[in-house]
C-alpha cells in the first residue's frame, strides 16, 4: 500500500495461474 502497489494473494499471482493454464479447472482458478 505504501508503494501504491496492489497486494496479490498467492493463488492469484500470474506465475501460479500460468502453471495451471492447461488444467480443465483454470476458469474457476482465474
ModelCIF file with pLDDT and N, C-alpha, C, O atoms, coordinates in Angstrom:
data_MODEL
#
_entry.id   MODEL 
#
_entity.id                         1 
_entity.type                       polymer 
_entity.pdbx_number_of_molecules   1 
#
_entity_poly.entity_id                      1 
_entity_poly.type                           'polypeptide(L)' 
_entity_poly.nstd_linkage                   no 
_entity_poly.nstd_monomer                   no 
_entity_poly.pdbx_seq_one_letter_code       
;(UNK)(UNK)(UNK)(UNK)(UNK)(UNK)(UNK)(UNK)(UNK)(UNK)(UNK)(UNK)(UNK)(UNK)(UNK)(UNK)
(UNK)(UNK)(UNK)(UNK)(UNK)(UNK)(UNK)(UNK)(UNK)(UNK)(UNK)(UNK)(UNK)(UNK)
;
_entity_poly.pdbx_seq_one_letter_code_can   XXXXXXXXXXXXXXXXXXXXXXXXXXXXXX 
_entity_poly.pdbx_strand_id                 A 
#
loop_
_entity_poly_seq.entity_id 
_entity_poly_seq.num 
_entity_poly_seq.mon_id 
_entity_poly_seq.hetero 
1 1  UNK n 
1 2  UNK n 
1 3  UNK n 
1 4  UNK n 
1 5  UNK n 
1 6  UNK n 
1 7  UNK n 
1 8  UNK n 
1 9  UNK n 
1 10 UNK n 
1 11 UNK n 
1 12 UNK n 
1 13 UNK n 
1 14 UNK n 
1 15 UNK n 
1 16 UNK n 
1 17 UNK n 
1 18 UNK n 
1 19 UNK n 
1 20 UNK n 
1 21 UNK n 
1 22 UNK n 
1 23 UNK n 
1 24 UNK n 
1 25 UNK n 
1 26 UNK n 
1 27 UNK n 
1 28 UNK n 
1 29 UNK n 
1 30 UNK n 
#
_struct_asym.id          A 
_struct_asym.entity_id   1 
#
loop_
_ma_qa_metric.id 
_ma_qa_metric.mode 
_ma_qa_metric.name 
_ma_qa_metric.software_group_id 
_ma_qa_metric.type 
1 global pLDDT . pLDDT 
2 local  pLDDT . pLDDT 
#
_ma_qa_metric_global.metric_id      1 
_ma_qa_metric_global.metric_value   94.03 
_ma_qa_metric_global.model_id       1 
_ma_qa_metric_global.ordinal_id     1 
#
loop_
_ma_qa_metric_local.label_asym_id 
_ma_qa_metric_local.label_comp_id 
_ma_qa_metric_local.label_seq_id 
_ma_qa_metric_local.metric_id 
_ma_qa_metric_local.metric_value 
_ma_qa_metric_local.model_id 
_ma_qa_metric_local.ordinal_id 
A UNK 1  2 89.00 1 1  
A UNK 2  2 89.00 1 2  
A UNK 3  2 89.00 1 3  
A UNK 4  2 87.00 1 4  
A UNK 5  2 91.00 1 5  
A UNK 6  2 93.00 1 6  
A UNK 7  2 95.00 1 7  
A UNK 8  2 96.00 1 8  
A UNK 9  2 95.00 1 9  
A UNK 10 2 94.00 1 10 
A UNK 11 2 95.00 1 11 
A UNK 12 2 96.00 1 12 
A UNK 13 2 95.00 1 13 
A UNK 14 2 95.00 1 14 
A UNK 15 2 93.00 1 15 
A UNK 16 2 95.00 1 16 
A UNK 17 2 96.00 1 17 
A UNK 18 2 94.00 1 18 
A UNK 19 2 95.00 1 19 
A UNK 20 2 95.00 1 20 
A UNK 21 2 94.00 1 21 
A UNK 22 2 94.00 1 22 
A UNK 23 2 95.00 1 23 
A UNK 24 2 95.00 1 24 
A UNK 25 2 95.00 1 25 
A UNK 26 2 96.00 1 26 
A UNK 27 2 95.00 1 27 
A UNK 28 2 96.00 1 28 
A UNK 29 2 97.00 1 29 
A UNK 30 2 97.00 1 30 
#
loop_
_atom_site.group_PDB 
_atom_site.id 
_atom_site.type_symbol 
_atom_site.label_atom_id 
_atom_site.label_alt_id 
_atom_site.label_comp_id 
_atom_site.label_asym_id 
_atom_site.label_entity_id 
_atom_site.label_seq_id 
_atom_site.pdbx_PDB_ins_code 
_atom_site.Cartn_x 
_atom_site.Cartn_y 
_atom_site.Cartn_z 
_atom_site.occupancy 
_atom_site.B_iso_or_equiv 
_atom_site.pdbx_formal_charge 
_atom_site.auth_seq_id 
_atom_site.auth_comp_id 
_atom_site.auth_asym_id 
_atom_site.auth_atom_id 
_atom_site.pdbx_PDB_model_num 
ATOM 1   N N  . UNK A 1 1  ? 0.836   -1.199  0.000   1.00 89.00 ? 1  UNK A N  1 
ATOM 2   C CA . UNK A 1 1  ? 0.000   0.000   0.000   1.00 89.00 ? 1  UNK A CA 1 
ATOM 3   C C  . UNK A 1 1  ? 0.876   1.257   0.000   1.00 89.00 ? 1  UNK A C  1 
ATOM 4   O O  . UNK A 1 1  ? 0.571   2.241   -0.673  1.00 89.00 ? 1  UNK A O  1 
ATOM 5   N N  . UNK A 1 2  ? 1.964   1.204   0.765   1.00 89.00 ? 2  UNK A N  1 
ATOM 6   C CA . UNK A 1 2  ? 2.873   2.349   0.865   1.00 89.00 ? 2  UNK A CA 1 
ATOM 7   C C  . UNK A 1 2  ? 3.531   2.666   -0.480  1.00 89.00 ? 2  UNK A C  1 
ATOM 8   O O  . UNK A 1 2  ? 3.876   3.816   -0.752  1.00 89.00 ? 2  UNK A O  1 
ATOM 9   N N  . UNK A 1 3  ? 3.700   1.648   -1.310  1.00 89.00 ? 3  UNK A N  1 
ATOM 10  C CA . UNK A 1 3  ? 4.342   1.836   -2.619  1.00 89.00 ? 3  UNK A CA 1 
ATOM 11  C C  . UNK A 1 3  ? 3.325   1.946   -3.754  1.00 89.00 ? 3  UNK A C  1 
ATOM 12  O O  . UNK A 1 3  ? 3.696   1.916   -4.927  1.00 89.00 ? 3  UNK A O  1 
ATOM 13  N N  . UNK A 1 4  ? 2.027   2.076   -3.403  1.00 87.00 ? 4  UNK A N  1 
ATOM 14  C CA . UNK A 1 4  ? 0.954   2.179   -4.398  1.00 87.00 ? 4  UNK A CA 1 
ATOM 15  C C  . UNK A 1 4  ? 0.917   0.974   -5.339  1.00 87.00 ? 4  UNK A C  1 
ATOM 16  O O  . UNK A 1 4  ? 0.738   1.112   -6.549  1.00 87.00 ? 4  UNK A O  1 
ATOM 17  N N  . UNK A 1 5  ? 1.092   -0.212  -4.746  1.00 91.00 ? 5  UNK A N  1 
ATOM 18  C CA . UNK A 1 5  ? 1.066   -1.472  -5.497  1.00 91.00 ? 5  UNK A CA 1 
ATOM 19  C C  . UNK A 1 5  ? -0.045  -2.338  -4.919  1.00 91.00 ? 5  UNK A C  1 
ATOM 20  O O  . UNK A 1 5  ? -0.181  -2.436  -3.699  1.00 91.00 ? 5  UNK A O  1 
ATOM 21  N N  . UNK A 1 6  ? -0.842  -2.968  -5.781  1.00 93.00 ? 6  UNK A N  1 
ATOM 22  C CA . UNK A 1 6  ? -1.914  -3.844  -5.315  1.00 93.00 ? 6  UNK A CA 1 
ATOM 23  C C  . UNK A 1 6  ? -1.326  -5.118  -4.695  1.00 93.00 ? 6  UNK A C  1 
ATOM 24  O O  . UNK A 1 6  ? -0.367  -5.687  -5.217  1.00 93.00 ? 6  UNK A O  1 
ATOM 25  N N  . UNK A 1 7  ? -1.919  -5.558  -3.568  1.00 95.00 ? 7  UNK A N  1 
ATOM 26  C CA . UNK A 1 7  ? -1.486  -6.811  -2.957  1.00 95.00 ? 7  UNK A CA 1 
ATOM 27  C C  . UNK A 1 7  ? -2.180  -7.971  -3.670  1.00 95.00 ? 7  UNK A C  1 
ATOM 28  O O  . UNK A 1 7  ? -3.400  -7.976  -3.836  1.00 95.00 ? 7  UNK A O  1 
ATOM 29  N N  . UNK A 1 8  ? -1.375  -8.960  -4.090  1.00 96.00 ? 8  UNK A N  1 
ATOM 30  C CA . UNK A 1 8  ? -1.911  -10.105 -4.837  1.00 96.00 ? 8  UNK A CA 1 
ATOM 31  C C  . UNK A 1 8  ? -1.688  -11.381 -4.031  1.00 96.00 ? 8  UNK A C  1 
ATOM 32  O O  . UNK A 1 8  ? -0.540  -11.774 -3.823  1.00 96.00 ? 8  UNK A O  1 
ATOM 33  N N  . UNK A 1 9  ? -2.765  -12.047 -3.566  1.00 95.00 ? 9  UNK A N  1 
ATOM 34  C CA . UNK A 1 9  ? -2.619  -13.301 -2.812  1.00 95.00 ? 9  UNK A CA 1 
ATOM 35  C C  . UNK A 1 9  ? -1.930  -14.374 -3.663  1.00 95.00 ? 9  UNK A C  1 
ATOM 36  O O  . UNK A 1 9  ? -1.927  -14.303 -4.892  1.00 95.00 ? 9  UNK A O  1 
ATOM 37  N N  . UNK A 1 10 ? -1.356  -15.356 -2.994  1.00 94.00 ? 10 UNK A N  1 
ATOM 38  C CA . UNK A 1 10 ? -0.516  -16.345 -3.673  1.00 94.00 ? 10 UNK A CA 1 
ATOM 39  C C  . UNK A 1 10 ? -1.219  -17.030 -4.846  1.00 94.00 ? 10 UNK A C  1 
ATOM 40  O O  . UNK A 1 10 ? -0.634  -17.170 -5.920  1.00 94.00 ? 10 UNK A O  1 
ATOM 41  N N  . UNK A 1 11 ? -2.463  -17.455 -4.652  1.00 95.00 ? 11 UNK A N  1 
ATOM 42  C CA . UNK A 1 11 ? -3.147  -18.210 -5.706  1.00 95.00 ? 11 UNK A CA 1 
ATOM 43  C C  . UNK A 1 11 ? -3.756  -17.302 -6.779  1.00 95.00 ? 11 UNK A C  1 
ATOM 44  O O  . UNK A 1 11 ? -4.441  -17.774 -7.686  1.00 95.00 ? 11 UNK A O  1 
ATOM 45  N N  . UNK A 1 12 ? -3.501  -16.008 -6.667  1.00 96.00 ? 12 UNK A N  1 
ATOM 46  C CA . UNK A 1 12 ? -3.941  -15.081 -7.710  1.00 96.00 ? 12 UNK A CA 1 
ATOM 47  C C  . UNK A 1 12 ? -2.756  -14.554 -8.513  1.00 96.00 ? 12 UNK A C  1 
ATOM 48  O O  . UNK A 1 12 ? -2.936  -13.771 -9.446  1.00 96.00 ? 12 UNK A O  1 
ATOM 49  N N  . UNK A 1 13 ? -1.550  -14.979 -8.155  1.00 95.00 ? 13 UNK A N  1 
ATOM 50  C CA . UNK A 1 13 ? -0.356  -14.488 -8.842  1.00 95.00 ? 13 UNK A CA 1 
ATOM 51  C C  . UNK A 1 13 ? -0.225  -15.136 -10.222 1.00 95.00 ? 13 UNK A C  1 
ATOM 52  O O  . UNK A 1 13 ? -0.590  -16.294 -10.425 1.00 95.00 ? 13 UNK A O  1 
ATOM 53  N N  . UNK A 1 14 ? 0.299   -14.363 -11.146 1.00 95.00 ? 14 UNK A N  1 
ATOM 54  C CA . UNK A 1 14 ? 0.367   -14.824 -12.536 1.00 95.00 ? 14 UNK A CA 1 
ATOM 55  C C  . UNK A 1 14 ? 1.152   -16.128 -12.665 1.00 95.00 ? 14 UNK A C  1 
ATOM 56  O O  . UNK A 1 14 ? 0.764   -17.023 -13.415 1.00 95.00 ? 14 UNK A O  1 
ATOM 57  N N  . UNK A 1 15 ? 2.246   -16.224 -11.938 1.00 93.00 ? 15 UNK A N  1 
ATOM 58  C CA . UNK A 1 15 ? 3.087   -17.434 -12.035 1.00 93.00 ? 15 UNK A CA 1 
ATOM 59  C C  . UNK A 1 15 ? 2.290   -18.680 -11.638 1.00 93.00 ? 15 UNK A C  1 
ATOM 60  O O  . UNK A 1 15 ? 2.441   -19.735 -12.254 1.00 93.00 ? 15 UNK A O  1 
ATOM 61  N N  . UNK A 1 16 ? 1.450   -18.560 -10.620 1.00 95.00 ? 16 UNK A N  1 
ATOM 62  C CA . UNK A 1 16 ? 0.621   -19.692 -10.175 1.00 95.00 ? 16 UNK A CA 1 
ATOM 63  C C  . UNK A 1 16 ? -0.413  -20.050 -11.254 1.00 95.00 ? 16 UNK A C  1 
ATOM 64  O O  . UNK A 1 16 ? -0.582  -21.219 -11.599 1.00 95.00 ? 16 UNK A O  1 
ATOM 65  N N  . UNK A 1 17 ? -1.092  -19.037 -11.776 1.00 96.00 ? 17 UNK A N  1 
ATOM 66  C CA . UNK A 1 17 ? -2.125  -19.296 -12.783 1.00 96.00 ? 17 UNK A CA 1 
ATOM 67  C C  . UNK A 1 17 ? -1.525  -19.851 -14.072 1.00 96.00 ? 17 UNK A C  1 
ATOM 68  O O  . UNK A 1 17 ? -2.109  -20.729 -14.707 1.00 96.00 ? 17 UNK A O  1 
ATOM 69  N N  . UNK A 1 18 ? -0.370  -19.341 -14.451 1.00 94.00 ? 18 UNK A N  1 
ATOM 70  C CA . UNK A 1 18 ? 0.253   -19.838 -15.694 1.00 94.00 ? 18 UNK A CA 1 
ATOM 71  C C  . UNK A 1 18 ? 0.666   -21.295 -15.551 1.00 94.00 ? 18 UNK A C  1 
ATOM 72  O O  . UNK A 1 18 ? 0.646   -22.057 -16.518 1.00 94.00 ? 18 UNK A O  1 
ATOM 73  N N  . UNK A 1 19 ? 1.044   -21.675 -14.325 1.00 95.00 ? 19 UNK A N  1 
ATOM 74  C CA . UNK A 1 19 ? 1.430   -23.074 -14.105 1.00 95.00 ? 19 UNK A CA 1 
ATOM 75  C C  . UNK A 1 19 ? 0.223   -24.011 -14.205 1.00 95.00 ? 19 UNK A C  1 
ATOM 76  O O  . UNK A 1 19 ? 0.390   -25.219 -14.369 1.00 95.00 ? 19 UNK A O  1 
ATOM 77  N N  . UNK A 1 20 ? -0.977  -23.464 -14.106 1.00 95.00 ? 20 UNK A N  1 
ATOM 78  C CA . UNK A 1 20 ? -2.200  -24.276 -14.158 1.00 95.00 ? 20 UNK A CA 1 
ATOM 79  C C  . UNK A 1 20 ? -3.007  -24.033 -15.442 1.00 95.00 ? 20 UNK A C  1 
ATOM 80  O O  . UNK A 1 20 ? -4.155  -24.464 -15.551 1.00 95.00 ? 20 UNK A O  1 
ATOM 81  N N  . UNK A 1 21 ? -2.394  -23.339 -16.410 1.00 94.00 ? 21 UNK A N  1 
ATOM 82  C CA . UNK A 1 21 ? -3.113  -22.925 -17.612 1.00 94.00 ? 21 UNK A CA 1 
ATOM 83  C C  . UNK A 1 21 ? -3.688  -24.090 -18.413 1.00 94.00 ? 21 UNK A C  1 
ATOM 84  O O  . UNK A 1 21 ? -4.691  -23.925 -19.108 1.00 94.00 ? 21 UNK A O  1 
ATOM 85  N N  . UNK A 1 22 ? -3.065  -25.266 -18.325 1.00 94.00 ? 22 UNK A N  1 
ATOM 86  C CA . UNK A 1 22 ? -3.525  -26.407 -19.147 1.00 94.00 ? 22 UNK A CA 1 
ATOM 87  C C  . UNK A 1 22 ? -4.540  -27.294 -18.417 1.00 94.00 ? 22 UNK A C  1 
ATOM 88  O O  . UNK A 1 22 ? -4.998  -28.290 -18.977 1.00 94.00 ? 22 UNK A O  1 
ATOM 89  N N  . UNK A 1 23 ? -4.892  -26.947 -17.188 1.00 95.00 ? 23 UNK A N  1 
ATOM 90  C CA . UNK A 1 23 ? -5.829  -27.770 -16.421 1.00 95.00 ? 23 UNK A CA 1 
ATOM 91  C C  . UNK A 1 23 ? -7.277  -27.387 -16.746 1.00 95.00 ? 23 UNK A C  1 
ATOM 92  O O  . UNK A 1 23 ? -7.550  -26.223 -17.042 1.00 95.00 ? 23 UNK A O  1 
ATOM 93  N N  . UNK A 1 24 ? -8.201  -28.339 -16.696 1.00 95.00 ? 24 UNK A N  1 
ATOM 94  C CA . UNK A 1 24 ? -9.601  -28.052 -17.056 1.00 95.00 ? 24 UNK A CA 1 
ATOM 95  C C  . UNK A 1 24 ? -10.285 -27.063 -16.110 1.00 95.00 ? 24 UNK A C  1 
ATOM 96  O O  . UNK A 1 24 ? -11.258 -26.415 -16.498 1.00 95.00 ? 24 UNK A O  1 
ATOM 97  N N  . UNK A 1 25 ? -9.788  -26.938 -14.872 1.00 95.00 ? 25 UNK A N  1 
ATOM 98  C CA . UNK A 1 25 ? -10.434 -26.015 -13.917 1.00 95.00 ? 25 UNK A CA 1 
ATOM 99  C C  . UNK A 1 25 ? -9.806  -24.618 -13.916 1.00 95.00 ? 25 UNK A C  1 
ATOM 100 O O  . UNK A 1 25 ? -10.017 -23.848 -12.979 1.00 95.00 ? 25 UNK A O  1 
ATOM 101 N N  . UNK A 1 26 ? -9.040  -24.288 -14.953 1.00 96.00 ? 26 UNK A N  1 
ATOM 102 C CA . UNK A 1 26 ? -8.354  -22.997 -14.979 1.00 96.00 ? 26 UNK A CA 1 
ATOM 103 C C  . UNK A 1 26 ? -9.338  -21.821 -14.919 1.00 96.00 ? 26 UNK A C  1 
ATOM 104 O O  . UNK A 1 26 ? -9.016  -20.782 -14.344 1.00 96.00 ? 26 UNK A O  1 
ATOM 105 N N  . UNK A 1 27 ? -10.538 -21.974 -15.508 1.00 95.00 ? 27 UNK A N  1 
ATOM 106 C CA . UNK A 1 27 ? -11.542 -20.900 -15.465 1.00 95.00 ? 27 UNK A CA 1 
ATOM 107 C C  . UNK A 1 27 ? -11.930 -20.558 -14.039 1.00 95.00 ? 27 UNK A C  1 
ATOM 108 O O  . UNK A 1 27 ? -12.005 -19.385 -13.672 1.00 95.00 ? 27 UNK A O  1 
ATOM 109 N N  . UNK A 1 28 ? -12.180 -21.593 -13.228 1.00 96.00 ? 28 UNK A N  1 
ATOM 110 C CA . UNK A 1 28 ? -12.519 -21.368 -11.816 1.00 96.00 ? 28 UNK A CA 1 
ATOM 111 C C  . UNK A 1 28 ? -11.354 -20.728 -11.074 1.00 96.00 ? 28 UNK A C  1 
ATOM 112 O O  . UNK A 1 28 ? -11.550 -19.883 -10.200 1.00 96.00 ? 28 UNK A O  1 
ATOM 113 N N  . UNK A 1 29 ? -10.133 -21.139 -11.432 1.00 97.00 ? 29 UNK A N  1 
ATOM 114 C CA . UNK A 1 29 ? -8.941  -20.568 -10.786 1.00 97.00 ? 29 UNK A CA 1 
ATOM 115 C C  . UNK A 1 29 ? -8.849  -19.061 -11.038 1.00 97.00 ? 29 UNK A C  1 
ATOM 116 O O  . UNK A 1 29 ? -8.558  -18.288 -10.126 1.00 97.00 ? 29 UNK A O  1 
ATOM 117 N N  . UNK A 1 30 ? -9.100  -18.652 -12.291 1.00 97.00 ? 30 UNK A N  1 
ATOM 118 C CA . UNK A 1 30 ? -8.970  -17.219 -12.623 1.00 97.00 ? 30 UNK A CA 1 
ATOM 119 C C  . UNK A 1 30 ? -10.094 -16.422 -11.952 1.00 97.00 ? 30 UNK A C  1 
ATOM 120 O O  . UNK A 1 30 ? -10.163 -15.203 -12.105 1.00 97.00 ? 30 UNK A O  1 
#
